[in-house]
Protein backbone atom coordinates (compact mmCIF):
# COMPACT_ATOMS: atom_id res chain seq x y z
CA UNK A 1 0.10 0.07 0.12
CA UNK A 2 1.90 3.61 -0.90
CA UNK A 3 2.11 5.83 1.58
CA UNK A 4 0.15 8.72 2.90
CA UNK A 5 1.92 11.78 1.37
CA UNK A 6 1.50 15.03 3.62
CA UNK A 7 2.96 18.45 3.86
CA UNK A 8 6.38 19.73 4.43
CA UNK A 9 5.83 21.79 6.98
CA UNK A 10 2.84 18.59 8.48
CA UNK A 11 6.02 15.83 8.24
CA UNK A 12 8.31 18.23 9.78
CA UNK A 13 5.76 18.50 12.99
CA UNK A 14 5.16 15.11 13.16
CA UNK A 15 9.14 14.44 13.71
CA UNK A 16 8.95 16.76 16.41
CA UNK A 17 6.22 15.84 18.26
CA UNK A 18 5.69 11.71 17.20
CA UNK A 19 9.02 10.74 19.46
CA UNK A 20 9.69 13.03 22.67
CA UNK A 21 12.64 11.33 23.08
CA UNK A 22 15.01 9.88 20.99
CA UNK A 23 16.46 6.21 20.71
CA UNK A 24 19.76 6.32 21.88
CA UNK A 25 22.44 4.35 19.88
CA UNK A 26 24.41 2.06 21.26
CA UNK A 27 27.22 2.70 23.31
CA UNK A 28 30.20 4.26 22.09
CA UNK A 29 33.22 1.96 22.27
CA UNK A 30 35.78 5.01 21.18
CA UNK A 31 36.04 8.21 21.30
CA UNK A 32 33.49 10.16 18.96
CA UNK A 33 34.93 12.99 16.85
CA UNK A 34 31.40 13.91 15.79
CA UNK A 35 28.29 13.07 18.13
CA UNK A 36 24.77 14.06 18.78
CA UNK A 37 22.38 12.70 21.50
CA UNK A 38 23.61 9.37 21.11
CA UNK A 39 24.45 9.18 17.44
CA UNK A 40 27.98 9.03 16.93
CA UNK A 41 31.77 9.24 14.33
CA UNK A 42 33.97 6.95 15.89
CA UNK A 43 37.83 8.80 15.83
CA UNK A 44 38.66 5.47 12.64
CA UNK A 45 35.26 6.10 11.07
CA UNK A 46 36.09 10.37 10.92
CA UNK A 47 39.42 8.90 9.17
CA UNK A 48 37.80 6.95 6.88
CA UNK A 49 35.32 9.46 5.83
CA UNK A 50 37.62 12.30 5.01
CA UNK A 51 39.77 8.59 3.31
CA UNK A 52 36.29 8.66 1.56
CA UNK A 53 36.38 12.33 0.63
CA UNK A 54 39.98 12.78 0.21
CA UNK A 55 39.08 10.33 -3.37
CA UNK A 56 35.68 12.10 -4.05
CA UNK A 57 37.37 15.40 -4.08
CA UNK A 58 40.49 14.36 -6.14
CA UNK A 59 38.54 12.52 -8.71
CA UNK A 60 35.51 15.34 -8.63
CA UNK A 61 37.30 19.04 -8.89
CA UNK A 62 39.10 19.90 -12.15
CA UNK A 63 43.36 20.21 -11.32
CA UNK A 64 42.62 18.68 -8.41
CA UNK A 65 45.69 16.82 -7.41
CA UNK A 66 47.24 14.81 -4.31
CA UNK A 67 50.33 17.51 -3.94
CA UNK A 68 51.34 20.01 -1.24
CA UNK A 69 51.25 23.02 -4.35
CA UNK A 70 47.14 21.99 -4.70
CA UNK A 71 46.27 21.75 -0.91
CA UNK A 72 47.78 25.41 -0.97
CA UNK A 73 46.33 26.57 -3.68
CA UNK A 74 43.64 29.08 -3.71
CA UNK A 75 40.31 27.74 -4.23
CA UNK A 76 37.67 30.19 -3.08
CA UNK A 77 37.05 33.59 -2.10
CA UNK A 78 41.12 33.42 -1.23
CA UNK A 79 40.64 30.45 0.98
CA UNK A 80 42.87 27.18 0.75
CA UNK A 81 41.98 23.87 -1.40
CA UNK A 82 42.60 22.07 2.10
CA UNK A 83 40.72 24.31 4.11
CA UNK A 84 37.62 24.54 2.24
CA UNK A 85 37.45 21.13 1.06
CA UNK A 86 38.33 20.18 4.77
CA UNK A 87 34.87 22.27 5.68
CA UNK A 88 32.87 20.19 3.47
CA UNK A 89 34.12 16.88 4.24
CA UNK A 90 33.17 17.48 7.91
CA UNK A 91 29.51 19.45 6.52
CA UNK A 92 28.79 15.99 4.90
CA UNK A 93 29.94 13.69 8.03
CA UNK A 94 27.93 16.32 10.13
CA UNK A 95 24.86 15.29 7.89
CA UNK A 96 25.00 12.22 8.23
CA UNK A 97 25.24 12.23 11.87
CA UNK A 98 21.98 14.32 11.72
CA UNK A 99 20.46 11.93 9.12
CA UNK A 100 21.35 8.30 11.33
CA UNK A 101 19.77 10.23 14.49
CA UNK A 102 16.75 11.71 12.50
CA UNK A 103 16.21 7.55 10.88
CA UNK A 104 16.29 6.37 14.63
CA UNK A 105 14.03 8.85 16.42
CA UNK A 106 11.17 8.82 13.72
CA UNK A 107 11.02 5.08 14.47
CA UNK A 108 12.52 3.80 11.48
CA UNK A 109 14.31 0.42 11.61
CA UNK A 110 16.83 -1.36 8.61
CA UNK A 111 15.38 -4.98 8.28
CA UNK A 112 17.83 -8.31 8.65
CA UNK A 113 18.06 -8.51 4.58
CA UNK A 114 18.73 -4.87 4.07
CA UNK A 115 21.63 -5.59 7.39
CA UNK A 116 22.82 -8.51 5.28
CA UNK A 117 22.82 -6.92 2.08
CA UNK A 118 26.02 -4.44 4.10
CA UNK A 119 27.82 -8.06 4.89
CA UNK A 120 27.85 -8.56 1.57
CA UNK A 121 28.34 -5.66 -0.53
CA UNK A 122 31.76 -5.52 1.91
CA UNK A 123 32.42 -9.08 0.97
CA UNK A 124 31.96 -8.33 -2.88
CA UNK A 125 34.61 -5.63 -1.96
CA UNK A 126 36.79 -7.89 -1.40
CA UNK A 127 36.17 -10.43 -4.12
CA UNK A 128 36.11 -7.19 -7.14
CA UNK A 129 39.30 -5.09 -6.38
CA UNK A 130 41.30 -7.91 -3.53
CA UNK A 131 40.59 -10.88 -5.59
CA UNK A 132 38.82 -12.62 -2.60
CA UNK A 133 42.43 -12.68 -0.69
CA UNK A 134 40.96 -11.95 2.58
CA UNK A 135 44.26 -11.09 4.25
CA UNK A 136 45.49 -8.32 1.11
CA UNK A 137 41.32 -6.41 1.59
CA UNK A 138 42.31 -6.58 5.70
CA UNK A 139 45.71 -4.48 5.20
CA UNK A 140 44.12 -2.19 2.70
CA UNK A 141 41.70 -1.59 5.12
CA UNK A 142 44.01 -1.37 7.70
CA UNK A 143 46.04 1.29 5.93
CA UNK A 144 42.83 3.60 5.94
CA UNK A 145 43.04 2.92 9.98
CA UNK A 146 39.83 0.78 10.15
CA UNK A 147 38.49 -2.50 9.66
CA UNK A 148 35.69 -4.62 8.54
CA UNK A 149 33.25 -3.79 11.96
CA UNK A 150 34.28 0.06 11.35
CA UNK A 151 33.69 -0.31 7.74
CA UNK A 152 30.60 -1.80 8.05
CA UNK A 153 28.94 0.85 11.15
CA UNK A 154 30.14 3.55 8.30
CA UNK A 155 28.32 1.88 5.75
CA UNK A 156 25.18 1.13 8.02
CA UNK A 157 24.72 5.14 8.91
CA UNK A 158 25.11 5.51 5.22
CA UNK A 159 22.29 3.32 4.10
CA UNK A 160 20.71 4.57 7.30
CA UNK A 161 20.79 8.42 5.93
CA UNK A 162 19.59 7.10 2.44
CA UNK A 163 16.67 5.47 3.81
CA UNK A 164 15.15 8.18 5.71
CA UNK A 165 15.80 10.57 2.45
CA UNK A 166 13.67 8.10 0.48
CA UNK A 167 11.52 7.87 3.31
CA UNK A 168 10.08 12.13 3.23
CA UNK A 169 12.10 13.27 -0.04
CA UNK A 170 11.47 9.63 -1.89
CA UNK A 171 9.36 10.06 -5.02
CA UNK A 172 6.75 8.17 -2.74
CA UNK A 173 8.00 9.75 0.24
CA UNK A 174 5.72 10.47 2.52
CA UNK A 175 6.51 14.83 1.87
CA UNK A 176 4.43 16.10 -0.59
CA UNK A 177 6.58 18.63 -2.86
CA UNK A 178 5.01 21.70 -3.76
CA UNK A 179 6.28 23.85 -7.28
CA UNK A 180 6.98 26.78 -4.90
CA UNK A 181 9.44 24.51 -3.37
CA UNK A 182 10.67 23.72 -6.96
CA UNK A 183 10.71 26.90 -7.98
CA UNK A 184 12.80 28.23 -5.24
CA UNK A 185 15.43 25.40 -5.86
CA UNK A 186 15.29 26.26 -9.51
CA UNK A 187 15.90 30.06 -8.33
CA UNK A 188 18.70 29.16 -6.12
CA UNK A 189 20.61 26.92 -8.35
CA UNK A 190 19.85 27.51 -12.09
CA UNK A 191 19.85 30.92 -14.31
CA UNK A 192 17.70 31.06 -17.06
CA UNK A 193 19.75 32.99 -20.89
CA UNK A 194 18.57 33.41 -24.27
CA UNK A 195 21.65 33.11 -26.34
CA UNK A 196 22.01 34.59 -29.71
CA UNK A 197 25.02 32.23 -31.20
CA UNK A 198 27.10 33.91 -34.09
CA UNK A 199 29.58 31.37 -35.65
CA UNK A 200 32.28 34.19 -37.41
CA UNK A 201 34.99 31.56 -36.43
CA UNK A 202 34.32 28.14 -38.75
CA UNK A 203 32.44 26.25 -40.61
CA UNK A 204 31.58 22.45 -41.09
CA UNK A 205 33.12 20.93 -44.12
CA UNK A 206 29.85 18.75 -46.38
CA UNK A 207 30.50 16.59 -49.44
CA UNK A 208 28.44 17.13 -52.57
CA UNK A 209 25.55 16.05 -51.09
CA UNK A 210 25.55 18.27 -47.88
CA UNK A 211 27.10 15.60 -45.78
CA UNK A 212 29.52 16.89 -43.28
CA UNK A 213 32.87 15.31 -43.78
CA UNK A 214 34.42 13.68 -40.69
CA UNK A 215 38.36 13.34 -40.04
CA UNK A 216 40.58 10.82 -39.13
CA UNK A 217 40.12 11.90 -35.72
CA UNK A 218 36.47 11.10 -35.94
CA UNK A 219 35.62 15.14 -36.00
CA UNK A 220 33.58 16.62 -38.27
CA UNK A 221 35.91 18.76 -40.18
CA UNK A 222 36.42 22.99 -40.04
CA UNK A 223 36.54 24.96 -42.61
CA UNK A 224 38.13 28.81 -42.60
CA UNK A 225 34.99 31.49 -43.78
CA UNK A 226 35.98 32.99 -47.03
CA UNK A 227 36.51 36.99 -46.55
CA UNK A 228 32.38 37.06 -47.89
CA UNK A 229 31.35 34.82 -45.29
CA UNK A 230 33.33 36.09 -42.60
CA UNK A 231 31.70 39.44 -43.31
CA UNK A 232 28.49 38.05 -43.33
CA UNK A 233 29.15 36.66 -39.99
CA UNK A 234 30.29 40.05 -38.52
CA UNK A 235 27.41 42.19 -40.09
CA UNK A 236 25.27 39.83 -37.87
CA UNK A 237 26.99 40.40 -35.18
CA UNK A 238 27.08 44.22 -35.61
CA UNK A 239 23.68 44.20 -35.97
CA UNK A 240 23.04 41.74 -32.43
CA UNK A 241 24.91 44.48 -30.83
CA UNK A 242 23.45 47.71 -32.35
CA UNK A 243 20.28 46.32 -31.60
CA UNK A 244 21.44 45.78 -27.96
CA UNK A 245 22.30 49.42 -27.76
CA UNK A 246 19.47 50.42 -29.35
CA UNK A 247 16.76 48.64 -26.75
CA UNK A 248 15.82 46.51 -29.19
CA UNK A 249 13.53 43.03 -28.15
CA UNK A 250 16.23 40.32 -27.26
CA UNK A 251 13.92 38.11 -28.48
CA UNK A 252 13.37 40.22 -31.78
CA UNK A 253 16.91 39.40 -32.22
CA UNK A 254 16.80 36.31 -31.25
CA UNK A 255 14.53 35.12 -33.65
CA UNK A 256 16.48 37.29 -36.64
CA UNK A 257 20.45 36.50 -36.32
CA UNK A 258 20.74 33.53 -34.07
CA UNK A 259 22.71 30.57 -35.58
CA UNK A 260 21.91 27.86 -32.08
CA UNK A 261 17.94 27.28 -32.31
CA UNK A 262 18.12 24.35 -30.26
CA UNK A 263 16.34 25.55 -27.31
CA UNK A 264 13.42 28.25 -28.03
CA UNK A 265 13.09 28.42 -24.79
CA UNK A 266 16.33 29.03 -23.54
CA UNK A 267 19.33 27.36 -21.63
CA UNK A 268 18.37 26.41 -18.25
CA UNK A 269 22.23 26.56 -16.46
CA UNK A 270 24.20 24.83 -13.58
CA UNK A 271 27.25 25.77 -12.85
CA UNK A 272 28.84 22.98 -14.16
CA UNK A 273 26.07 22.70 -17.20
CA UNK A 274 28.42 20.44 -19.79
CA UNK A 275 28.12 23.56 -22.30
CA UNK A 276 30.35 26.28 -23.01
CA UNK A 277 32.44 27.07 -19.85
CA UNK A 278 32.85 31.21 -20.76
CA UNK A 279 28.63 30.85 -21.59
CA UNK A 280 28.43 29.44 -18.14
CA UNK A 281 30.43 31.66 -16.59
CA UNK A 282 29.60 34.97 -17.77
CA UNK A 283 25.47 33.80 -16.93
CA UNK A 284 26.35 33.74 -12.96
CA UNK A 285 27.87 36.60 -13.18
CA UNK A 286 24.46 38.85 -14.75
CA UNK A 287 21.71 39.92 -12.68
CA UNK A 288 18.27 39.47 -13.97
CA UNK A 289 17.91 41.26 -17.76
CA UNK A 290 21.66 42.53 -17.90
CA UNK A 291 23.01 41.53 -21.07
CA UNK A 292 26.72 40.26 -22.27
CA UNK A 293 29.14 39.79 -24.59
CA UNK A 294 31.50 37.56 -25.46
CA UNK A 295 33.95 35.75 -27.83
CA UNK A 296 35.13 31.91 -27.77
CA UNK A 297 37.04 29.56 -29.80
CA UNK A 298 33.24 29.04 -31.04
CA UNK A 299 32.46 32.38 -32.05
CA UNK A 300 30.56 35.29 -30.59
CA UNK A 301 28.02 34.97 -27.84
CA UNK A 302 25.26 37.72 -26.97
CA UNK A 303 23.44 36.51 -23.93
CA UNK A 304 20.50 37.64 -21.75
CA UNK A 305 19.66 36.32 -18.23
CA UNK A 306 15.81 36.13 -17.55
CA UNK A 307 13.36 35.85 -14.40
CA UNK A 308 12.12 32.34 -14.11
CA UNK A 309 8.72 31.83 -14.75
CA UNK A 310 6.41 28.65 -15.09
CA UNK A 311 7.19 25.07 -14.92
CA UNK A 312 10.19 24.25 -16.94
CA UNK A 313 11.18 21.66 -14.89
CA UNK A 314 8.09 19.68 -17.18
CA UNK A 315 8.00 21.79 -20.42
CA UNK A 316 8.74 19.24 -23.22
CA UNK A 317 11.10 22.07 -24.97
CA UNK A 318 13.66 22.28 -21.81
CA UNK A 319 13.59 18.34 -20.92
CA UNK A 320 17.61 18.08 -21.38
CA UNK A 321 19.06 20.59 -18.62
CA UNK A 322 15.96 18.63 -16.26
CA UNK A 323 17.12 15.01 -16.11
CA UNK A 324 17.73 14.88 -12.80
CA UNK A 325 16.88 17.99 -11.43
CA UNK A 326 14.25 16.45 -9.10
CA UNK A 327 16.10 14.10 -7.47
CA UNK A 328 18.53 16.75 -6.77
CA UNK A 329 15.78 19.05 -6.03
CA UNK A 330 14.50 16.42 -3.28
CA UNK A 331 18.68 15.96 -1.90
CA UNK A 332 18.58 19.49 -1.66
CA UNK A 333 15.49 20.05 0.92
CA UNK A 334 16.64 17.08 2.88
CA UNK A 335 20.01 18.18 3.38
CA UNK A 336 17.67 21.51 4.40
CA UNK A 337 15.86 20.19 6.64
CA UNK A 338 18.92 18.10 8.52
CA UNK A 339 20.24 21.48 9.21
CA UNK A 340 19.16 22.38 12.14
CA UNK A 341 20.15 18.98 13.68
CA UNK A 342 23.55 19.52 12.65
CA UNK A 343 24.12 22.85 13.73
CA UNK A 344 24.09 21.07 17.13
CA UNK A 345 26.35 18.93 16.53
CA UNK A 346 28.87 18.20 19.05
CA UNK A 347 32.53 18.05 17.74
CA UNK A 348 35.79 16.89 19.19
CA UNK A 349 38.57 19.01 18.23
CA UNK A 350 41.25 16.93 20.10
CA UNK A 351 39.93 14.26 17.48
CA UNK A 352 39.56 15.87 14.38
CA UNK A 353 42.68 17.60 14.66
CA UNK A 354 44.62 15.01 14.46
CA UNK A 355 43.41 14.44 11.08
CA UNK A 356 43.70 16.80 7.77
CA UNK A 357 42.79 15.91 3.86
CA UNK A 358 46.27 16.20 2.62
CA UNK A 359 47.67 13.63 5.16
CA UNK A 360 45.10 10.72 5.10
CA UNK A 361 45.28 8.07 2.24
CA UNK A 362 42.42 7.91 -0.69
CA UNK A 363 39.30 5.61 0.17
CA UNK A 364 40.01 3.92 -3.94
CA UNK A 365 38.22 0.84 -3.16
CA UNK A 366 35.61 0.99 0.24
């Protein structure tokens, strides 16, 4: 039977009122790095999580390397990469504590089958990454400062958090997400632009049938523009530029001149949207209603940022931008929900100061 769906406010109120006393986790066997109301990340588990996130960061951030030059480099706002990423790792680890606590608090329970699957998953790592060599697997875990029991506890915590998120914010979760939350998420994470593109850099080679010509590298062959073609493209760019200065409607200019008609309703961009990086970066620098002109290896681009309206995540013409929107939005709402608990989590600096992101090994296999 499908679970009854309730509003966000009602769900949160229920979580706070139904269970007046938090369910305590098992007593700690070693000092805790982070703790809230009996739910803790032990010293060894903390070291493991840092190793896990180190691996994630080094395989996520462009140009990231496990070198002093990278860890000391400026990543954002004048802060060193190690400082920024360590803070991010700690925030994520705290969310595990908050989520595991709320899992217990709401009275949820893992089944025996779920726990068995965690054990099986650990065995599978040994089989796939170490050819079933238990001693080699144990040595690897030891290099991370943990054993199978600590890894099991970490995976159980992860499973609790994911189970809770699905229970609350899954597609069939108990919290009914209104479109107002979707729009709020859209406005916070995305920018919407129109893109007038003038290809004044090159043209594509075609054969006598009008089909594109492919080179030995498998890519479509580019050719230089003739003087006449270059002049035509320059005239287009000049017309757009002059039109913007004269206050002409940007959409009308798009209709007349753009060579990019793939998305008539505009682009909905995230900072990591796989589009022309210079265009994406420029879009996030604009205020709503502002325009920008830039030139890239692909040609000349005129962009204008627009306010969000309607429900673009449901529009057929914009679906390419929203393939992961619903899942990402619900995960974001879940993270926000955990925020109040995260702020209450106690950190044992004597433990956390023993570790640094640059010095821990990378958790490559577990």
